[in-house]
Amino acid sequence: PRMAQRRCDATVHALRQATERWRAAREAL
């Protein structure tokens, strides 16, 4: 279960960062 949590947290973190980059690119356009 702890590994499930760590992998999920890391994935959500990566998705948040990608979303922020995507939003910034959209705002720039």
PDB file of all heavy atoms in Angstrom:
ATOM      1  N   PRO A   1       0.802  -1.227   0.000  1.00  0.00           N
ATOM      2  CA  PRO A   1       0.000   0.000   0.000  1.00  0.00           C
ATOM      3  C   PRO A   1       0.839   1.284   0.000  1.00  0.00           C
ATOM      4  O   PRO A   1       0.502   2.260  -0.663  1.00  0.00           O
ATOM      5  CB  PRO A   1      -0.832  -0.104   1.279  1.00  0.00           C
ATOM      6  CG  PRO A   1      -0.921  -1.556   1.547  1.00  0.00           C
ATOM      7  CD  PRO A   1       0.372  -2.143   1.046  1.00  0.00           C
ATOM      8  N   ARG A   2       1.950   1.275   0.732  1.00  0.00           N
ATOM      9  CA  ARG A   2       2.814   2.468   0.775  1.00  0.00           C
ATOM     10  C   ARG A   2       3.418   2.735  -0.603  1.00  0.00           C
ATOM     11  O   ARG A   2       3.571   3.887  -1.018  1.00  0.00           O
ATOM     12  CB  ARG A   2       3.904   2.282   1.828  1.00  0.00           C
ATOM     13  CG  ARG A   2       4.789   3.467   2.003  1.00  0.00           C
ATOM     14  CD  ARG A   2       4.031   4.624   2.645  1.00  0.00           C
ATOM     15  NE  ARG A   2       4.953   5.727   2.827  1.00  0.00           N
ATOM     16  CZ  ARG A   2       4.616   6.998   2.770  1.00  0.00           C
ATOM     17  NH1 ARG A   2       3.370   7.350   2.570  1.00  0.00           N
ATOM     18  NH2 ARG A   2       5.513   7.928   2.937  1.00  0.00           N
ATOM     19  N   MET A   3       3.771   1.679  -1.333  1.00  0.00           N
ATOM     20  CA  MET A   3       4.308   1.836  -2.687  1.00  0.00           C
ATOM     21  C   MET A   3       3.236   2.387  -3.615  1.00  0.00           C
ATOM     22  O   MET A   3       3.507   3.229  -4.465  1.00  0.00           O
ATOM     23  CB  MET A   3       4.842   0.505  -3.219  1.00  0.00           C
ATOM     24  CG  MET A   3       5.486   0.609  -4.577  1.00  0.00           C
ATOM     25  SD  MET A   3       6.895   1.734  -4.648  1.00  0.00           S
ATOM     26  CE  MET A   3       8.072   0.852  -3.671  1.00  0.00           C
ATOM     27  N   ALA A   4       1.998   1.920  -3.436  1.00  0.00           N
ATOM     28  CA  ALA A   4       0.879   2.446  -4.237  1.00  0.00           C
ATOM     29  C   ALA A   4       0.734   3.948  -3.991  1.00  0.00           C
ATOM     30  O   ALA A   4       0.575   4.724  -4.941  1.00  0.00           O
ATOM     31  CB  ALA A   4      -0.412   1.716  -3.881  1.00  0.00           C
ATOM     32  N   GLN A   5       0.825   4.343  -2.732  1.00  0.00           N
ATOM     33  CA  GLN A   5       0.704   5.760  -2.398  1.00  0.00           C
ATOM     34  C   GLN A   5       1.843   6.572  -3.006  1.00  0.00           C
ATOM     35  O   GLN A   5       1.610   7.620  -3.599  1.00  0.00           O
ATOM     36  CB  GLN A   5       0.689   5.944  -0.881  1.00  0.00           C
ATOM     37  CG  GLN A   5       0.536   7.397  -0.478  1.00  0.00           C
ATOM     38  CD  GLN A   5       0.520   7.588   1.034  1.00  0.00           C
ATOM     39  OE1 GLN A   5       0.774   6.652   1.784  1.00  0.00           O
ATOM     40  NE2 GLN A   5       0.221   8.791   1.456  1.00  0.00           N
ATOM     41  N   ARG A   6       3.058   6.094  -2.875  1.00  0.00           N
ATOM     42  CA  ARG A   6       4.211   6.827  -3.413  1.00  0.00           C
ATOM     43  C   ARG A   6       4.129   6.981  -4.927  1.00  0.00           C
ATOM     44  O   ARG A   6       4.394   8.051  -5.462  1.00  0.00           O
ATOM     45  CB  ARG A   6       5.512   6.119  -3.028  1.00  0.00           C
ATOM     46  CG  ARG A   6       5.859   6.272  -1.580  1.00  0.00           C
ATOM     47  CD  ARG A   6       7.129   5.541  -1.254  1.00  0.00           C
ATOM     48  NE  ARG A   6       7.436   5.677   0.164  1.00  0.00           N
ATOM     49  CZ  ARG A   6       8.186   4.858   0.832  1.00  0.00           C
ATOM     50  NH1 ARG A   6       8.736   3.811   0.239  1.00  0.00           N
ATOM     51  NH2 ARG A   6       8.426   5.049   2.108  1.00  0.00           N
ATOM     52  N   ARG A   7       3.763   5.895  -5.600  1.00  0.00           N
ATOM     53  CA  ARG A   7       3.675   5.967  -7.069  1.00  0.00           C
ATOM     54  C   ARG A   7       2.547   6.890  -7.509  1.00  0.00           C
ATOM     55  O   ARG A   7       2.688   7.644  -8.455  1.00  0.00           O
ATOM     56  CB  ARG A   7       3.480   4.568  -7.655  1.00  0.00           C
ATOM     57  CG  ARG A   7       4.732   3.741  -7.578  1.00  0.00           C
ATOM     58  CD  ARG A   7       4.540   2.393  -8.215  1.00  0.00           C
ATOM     59  NE  ARG A   7       5.751   1.588  -8.053  1.00  0.00           N
ATOM     60  CZ  ARG A   7       5.865   0.344  -8.438  1.00  0.00           C
ATOM     61  NH1 ARG A   7       4.848  -0.269  -9.016  1.00  0.00           N
ATOM     62  NH2 ARG A   7       6.983  -0.310  -8.253  1.00  0.00           N
ATOM     63  N   CYS A   8       1.426   6.818  -6.815  1.00  0.00           N
ATOM     64  CA  CYS A   8       0.299   7.685  -7.149  1.00  0.00           C
ATOM     65  C   CYS A   8       0.662   9.151  -6.891  1.00  0.00           C
ATOM     66  O   CYS A   8       0.418  10.012  -7.740  1.00  0.00           O
ATOM     67  CB  CYS A   8      -0.937   7.299  -6.347  1.00  0.00           C
ATOM     68  SG  CYS A   8      -2.415   8.224  -6.817  1.00  0.00           S
ATOM     69  N   ASP A   9       1.255   9.428  -5.737  1.00  0.00           N
ATOM     70  CA  ASP A   9       1.649  10.796  -5.415  1.00  0.00           C
ATOM     71  C   ASP A   9       2.627  11.346  -6.445  1.00  0.00           C
ATOM     72  O   ASP A   9       2.504  12.493  -6.876  1.00  0.00           O
ATOM     73  CB  ASP A   9       2.265  10.872  -4.022  1.00  0.00           C
ATOM     74  CG  ASP A   9       1.240  10.691  -2.907  1.00  0.00           C
ATOM     75  OD1 ASP A   9       0.019  10.739  -3.186  1.00  0.00           O
ATOM     76  OD2 ASP A   9       1.672  10.496  -1.752  1.00  0.00           O
ATOM     77  N   ALA A  10       3.600  10.539  -6.846  1.00  0.00           N
ATOM     78  CA  ALA A  10       4.584  10.974  -7.841  1.00  0.00           C
ATOM     79  C   ALA A  10       3.916  11.237  -9.188  1.00  0.00           C
ATOM     80  O   ALA A  10       4.235  12.210  -9.878  1.00  0.00           O
ATOM     81  CB  ALA A  10       5.689   9.931  -7.992  1.00  0.00           C
ATOM     82  N   THR A  11       2.963  10.395  -9.543  1.00  0.00           N
ATOM     83  CA  THR A  11       2.262  10.562 -10.816  1.00  0.00           C
ATOM     84  C   THR A  11       1.402  11.811 -10.799  1.00  0.00           C
ATOM     85  O   THR A  11       1.414  12.594 -11.753  1.00  0.00           O
ATOM     86  CB  THR A  11       1.411   9.315 -11.130  1.00  0.00           C
ATOM     87  OG1 THR A  11       2.269   8.163 -11.152  1.00  0.00           O
ATOM     88  CG2 THR A  11       0.712   9.449 -12.463  1.00  0.00           C
ATOM     89  N   VAL A  12       0.678  12.025  -9.710  1.00  0.00           N
ATOM     90  CA  VAL A  12      -0.163  13.225  -9.592  1.00  0.00           C
ATOM     91  C   VAL A  12       0.715  14.475  -9.615  1.00  0.00           C
ATOM     92  O   VAL A  12       0.376  15.468 -10.270  1.00  0.00           O
ATOM     93  CB  VAL A  12      -1.042  13.164  -8.329  1.00  0.00           C
ATOM     94  CG1 VAL A  12      -1.701  14.510  -8.047  1.00  0.00           C
ATOM     95  CG2 VAL A  12      -2.097  12.075  -8.473  1.00  0.00           C
ATOM     96  N   HIS A  13       1.844  14.428  -8.951  1.00  0.00           N
ATOM     97  CA  HIS A  13       2.771  15.567  -8.953  1.00  0.00           C
ATOM     98  C   HIS A  13       3.245  15.865 -10.381  1.00  0.00           C
ATOM     99  O   HIS A  13       3.249  17.025 -10.812  1.00  0.00           O
ATOM    100  CB  HIS A  13       3.957  15.281  -8.031  1.00  0.00           C
ATOM    101  CG  HIS A  13       4.963  16.378  -7.996  1.00  0.00           C
ATOM    102  ND1 HIS A  13       4.738  17.571  -7.343  1.00  0.00           N
ATOM    103  CD2 HIS A  13       6.184  16.483  -8.562  1.00  0.00           C
ATOM    104  CE1 HIS A  13       5.786  18.355  -7.505  1.00  0.00           C
ATOM    105  NE2 HIS A  13       6.679  17.717  -8.236  1.00  0.00           N
ATOM    106  N   ALA A  14       3.631  14.832 -11.114  1.00  0.00           N
ATOM    107  CA  ALA A  14       4.078  15.016 -12.496  1.00  0.00           C
ATOM    108  C   ALA A  14       2.951  15.566 -13.374  1.00  0.00           C
ATOM    109  O   ALA A  14       3.181  16.435 -14.226  1.00  0.00           O
ATOM    110  CB  ALA A  14       4.612  13.701 -13.058  1.00  0.00           C
ATOM    111  N   LEU A  15       1.737  15.070 -13.157  1.00  0.00           N
ATOM    112  CA  LEU A  15       0.591  15.564 -13.922  1.00  0.00           C
ATOM    113  C   LEU A  15       0.298  17.025 -13.594  1.00  0.00           C
ATOM    114  O   LEU A  15      -0.022  17.816 -14.491  1.00  0.00           O
ATOM    115  CB  LEU A  15      -0.649  14.708 -13.658  1.00  0.00           C
ATOM    116  CG  LEU A  15      -0.649  13.317 -14.283  1.00  0.00           C
ATOM    117  CD1 LEU A  15      -1.804  12.483 -13.731  1.00  0.00           C
ATOM    118  CD2 LEU A  15      -0.718  13.411 -15.799  1.00  0.00           C
ATOM    119  N   ARG A  16       0.432  17.405 -12.328  1.00  0.00           N
ATOM    120  CA  ARG A  16       0.230  18.812 -11.949  1.00  0.00           C
ATOM    121  C   ARG A  16       1.256  19.711 -12.632  1.00  0.00           C
ATOM    122  O   ARG A  16       0.912  20.775 -13.142  1.00  0.00           O
ATOM    123  CB  ARG A  16       0.348  18.972 -10.431  1.00  0.00           C
ATOM    124  CG  ARG A  16      -0.888  18.643  -9.693  1.00  0.00           C
ATOM    125  CD  ARG A  16      -0.792  19.098  -8.234  1.00  0.00           C
ATOM    126  NE  ARG A  16      -1.965  18.661  -7.532  1.00  0.00           N
ATOM    127  CZ  ARG A  16      -1.953  17.874  -6.464  1.00  0.00           C
ATOM    128  NH1 ARG A  16      -0.825  17.457  -5.961  1.00  0.00           N
ATOM    129  NH2 ARG A  16      -3.076  17.515  -5.888  1.00  0.00           N
ATOM    130  N   GLN A  17       2.502  19.276 -12.636  1.00  0.00           N
ATOM    131  CA  GLN A  17       3.542  20.074 -13.279  1.00  0.00           C
ATOM    132  C   GLN A  17       3.286  20.202 -14.775  1.00  0.00           C
ATOM    133  O   GLN A  17       3.424  21.284 -15.347  1.00  0.00           O
ATOM    134  CB  GLN A  17       4.916  19.465 -13.028  1.00  0.00           C
ATOM    135  CG  GLN A  17       5.385  19.627 -11.602  1.00  0.00           C
ATOM    136  CD  GLN A  17       6.765  19.045 -11.388  1.00  0.00           C
ATOM    137  OE1 GLN A  17       7.111  18.008 -11.951  1.00  0.00           O
ATOM    138  NE2 GLN A  17       7.558  19.717 -10.571  1.00  0.00           N
ATOM    139  N   ALA A  18       2.907  19.107 -15.413  1.00  0.00           N
ATOM    140  CA  ALA A  18       2.609  19.137 -16.842  1.00  0.00           C
ATOM    141  C   ALA A  18       1.413  20.042 -17.117  1.00  0.00           C
ATOM    142  O   ALA A  18       1.400  20.785 -18.109  1.00  0.00           O
ATOM    143  CB  ALA A  18       2.347  17.725 -17.359  1.00  0.00           C
ATOM    144  N   THR A  19       0.418  20.007 -16.243  1.00  0.00           N
ATOM    145  CA  THR A  19      -0.757  20.861 -16.409  1.00  0.00           C
ATOM    146  C   THR A  19      -0.379  22.329 -16.283  1.00  0.00           C
ATOM    147  O   THR A  19      -0.840  23.167 -17.060  1.00  0.00           O
ATOM    148  CB  THR A  19      -1.847  20.490 -15.378  1.00  0.00           C
ATOM    149  OG1 THR A  19      -2.191  19.115 -15.547  1.00  0.00           O
ATOM    150  CG2 THR A  19      -3.080  21.354 -15.529  1.00  0.00           C
ATOM    151  N   GLU A  20       0.476  22.654 -15.323  1.00  0.00           N
ATOM    152  CA  GLU A  20       0.921  24.038 -15.162  1.00  0.00           C
ATOM    153  C   GLU A  20       1.675  24.521 -16.399  1.00  0.00           C
ATOM    154  O   GLU A  20       1.470  25.648 -16.853  1.00  0.00           O
ATOM    155  CB  GLU A  20       1.790  24.170 -13.915  1.00  0.00           C
ATOM    156  CG  GLU A  20       0.994  24.047 -12.624  1.00  0.00           C
ATOM    157  CD  GLU A  20       1.878  23.994 -11.389  1.00  0.00           C
ATOM    158  OE1 GLU A  20       3.098  24.263 -11.482  1.00  0.00           O
ATOM    159  OE2 GLU A  20       1.330  23.682 -10.313  1.00  0.00           O
ATOM    160  N   ARG A  21       2.521  23.662 -16.956  1.00  0.00           N
ATOM    161  CA  ARG A  21       3.244  24.037 -18.179  1.00  0.00           C
ATOM    162  C   ARG A  21       2.277  24.231 -19.342  1.00  0.00           C
ATOM    163  O   ARG A  21       2.402  25.162 -20.120  1.00  0.00           O
ATOM    164  CB  ARG A  21       4.297  22.985 -18.528  1.00  0.00           C
ATOM    165  CG  ARG A  21       5.494  22.985 -17.595  1.00  0.00           C
ATOM    166  CD  ARG A  21       6.618  22.098 -18.112  1.00  0.00           C
ATOM    167  NE  ARG A  21       6.209  20.721 -18.317  1.00  0.00           N
ATOM    168  CZ  ARG A  21       6.260  19.761 -17.399  1.00  0.00           C
ATOM    169  NH1 ARG A  21       6.711  20.032 -16.190  1.00  0.00           N
ATOM    170  NH2 ARG A  21       5.880  18.533 -17.694  1.00  0.00           N
ATOM    171  N   TRP A  22       1.275  23.346 -19.431  1.00  0.00           N
ATOM    172  CA  TRP A  22       0.289  23.437 -20.498  1.00  0.00           C
ATOM    173  C   TRP A  22      -0.518  24.728 -20.370  1.00  0.00           C
ATOM    174  O   TRP A  22      -0.742  25.432 -21.349  1.00  0.00           O
ATOM    175  CB  TRP A  22      -0.626  22.218 -20.461  1.00  0.00           C
ATOM    176  CG  TRP A  22      -1.630  22.179 -21.568  1.00  0.00           C
ATOM    177  CD1 TRP A  22      -1.439  21.730 -22.836  1.00  0.00           C
ATOM    178  CD2 TRP A  22      -2.987  22.617 -21.501  1.00  0.00           C
ATOM    179  NE1 TRP A  22      -2.597  21.851 -23.561  1.00  0.00           N
ATOM    180  CE2 TRP A  22      -3.565  22.394 -22.758  1.00  0.00           C
ATOM    181  CE3 TRP A  22      -3.775  23.167 -20.489  1.00  0.00           C
ATOM    182  CZ2 TRP A  22      -4.886  22.704 -23.045  1.00  0.00           C
ATOM    183  CZ3 TRP A  22      -5.096  23.472 -20.772  1.00  0.00           C
ATOM    184  CH2 TRP A  22      -5.628  23.236 -22.038  1.00  0.00           C
ATOM    185  N   ARG A  23      -0.939  25.050 -19.146  1.00  0.00           N
ATOM    186  CA  ARG A  23      -1.692  26.295 -18.921  1.00  0.00           C
ATOM    187  C   ARG A  23      -0.861  27.515 -19.278  1.00  0.00           C
ATOM    188  O   ARG A  23      -1.371  28.457 -19.885  1.00  0.00           O
ATOM    189  CB  ARG A  23      -2.133  26.384 -17.457  1.00  0.00           C
ATOM    190  CG  ARG A  23      -3.276  25.490 -17.106  1.00  0.00           C
ATOM    191  CD  ARG A  23      -3.617  25.618 -15.633  1.00  0.00           C
ATOM    192  NE  ARG A  23      -4.717  24.750 -15.270  1.00  0.00           N
ATOM    193  CZ  ARG A  23      -4.947  24.347 -14.036  1.00  0.00           C
ATOM    194  NH1 ARG A  23      -4.153  24.729 -13.053  1.00  0.00           N
ATOM    195  NH2 ARG A  23      -5.973  23.568 -13.776  1.00  0.00           N
ATOM    196  N   ALA A  24       0.402  27.505 -18.877  1.00  0.00           N
ATOM    197  CA  ALA A  24       1.276  28.643 -19.189  1.00  0.00           C
ATOM    198  C   ALA A  24       1.428  28.806 -20.694  1.00  0.00           C
ATOM    199  O   ALA A  24       1.406  29.936 -21.210  1.00  0.00           O
ATOM    200  CB  ALA A  24       2.635  28.452 -18.521  1.00  0.00           C
ATOM    201  N   ALA A  25       1.571  27.710 -21.399  1.00  0.00           N
ATOM    202  CA  ALA A  25       1.697  27.775 -22.859  1.00  0.00           C
ATOM    203  C   ALA A  25       0.416  28.312 -23.477  1.00  0.00           C
ATOM    204  O   ALA A  25       0.453  29.128 -24.407  1.00  0.00           O
ATOM    205  CB  ALA A  25       2.037  26.400 -23.426  1.00  0.00           C
ATOM    206  N   ARG A  26      -0.738  27.868 -22.974  1.00  0.00           N
ATOM    207  CA  ARG A  26      -2.031  28.354 -23.482  1.00  0.00           C
ATOM    208  C   ARG A  26      -2.197  29.842 -23.221  1.00  0.00           C
ATOM    209  O   ARG A  26      -2.663  30.575 -24.079  1.00  0.00           O
ATOM    210  CB  ARG A  26      -3.187  27.592 -22.829  1.00  0.00           C
ATOM    211  CG  ARG A  26      -3.302  26.138 -23.181  1.00  0.00           C
ATOM    212  CD  ARG A  26      -4.008  25.903 -24.448  1.00  0.00           C
ATOM    213  NE  ARG A  26      -5.365  26.429 -24.347  1.00  0.00           N
ATOM    214  CZ  ARG A  26      -6.258  26.357 -25.311  1.00  0.00           C
ATOM    215  NH1 ARG A  26      -5.958  25.774 -26.427  1.00  0.00           N
ATOM    216  NH2 ARG A  26      -7.451  26.878 -25.159  1.00  0.00           N
ATOM    217  N   GLU A  27      -1.816  30.287 -22.024  1.00  0.00           N
ATOM    218  CA  GLU A  27      -1.932  31.707 -21.687  1.00  0.00           C
ATOM    219  C   GLU A  27      -1.023  32.554 -22.558  1.00  0.00           C
ATOM    220  O   GLU A  27      -1.381  33.661 -22.937  1.00  0.00           O
ATOM    221  CB  GLU A  27      -1.632  31.926 -20.211  1.00  0.00           C
ATOM    222  CG  GLU A  27      -2.724  31.403 -19.301  1.00  0.00           C
ATOM    223  CD  GLU A  27      -2.384  31.475 -17.831  1.00  0.00           C
ATOM    224  OE1 GLU A  27      -1.362  32.134 -17.476  1.00  0.00           O
ATOM    225  OE2 GLU A  27      -3.119  30.883 -17.030  1.00  0.00           O
ATOM    226  N   ALA A  28       0.143  32.022 -22.887  1.00  0.00           N
ATOM    227  CA  ALA A  28       1.069  32.759 -23.743  1.00  0.00           C
ATOM    228  C   ALA A  28       0.516  32.893 -25.160  1.00  0.00           C
ATOM    229  O   ALA A  28       0.796  33.865 -25.852  1.00  0.00           O
ATOM    230  CB  ALA A  28       2.428  32.058 -23.773  1.00  0.00           C
ATOM    231  N   LEU A  29      -0.300  31.942 -25.594  1.00  0.00           N
ATOM    232  CA  LEU A  29      -0.885  31.976 -26.928  1.00  0.00           C
ATOM    233  C   LEU A  29      -2.157  32.794 -27.009  1.00  0.00           C
ATOM    234  O   LEU A  29      -2.524  33.269 -28.080  1.00  0.00           O
ATOM    235  CB  LEU A  29      -1.184  30.556 -27.423  1.00  0.00           C
ATOM    236  CG  LEU A  29       0.036  29.672 -27.704  1.00  0.00           C
ATOM    237  CD1 LEU A  29      -0.432  28.275 -28.082  1.00  0.00           C
ATOM    238  CD2 LEU A  29       0.887  30.268 -28.803  1.00  0.00           C
TER     239      LEU A  29
END
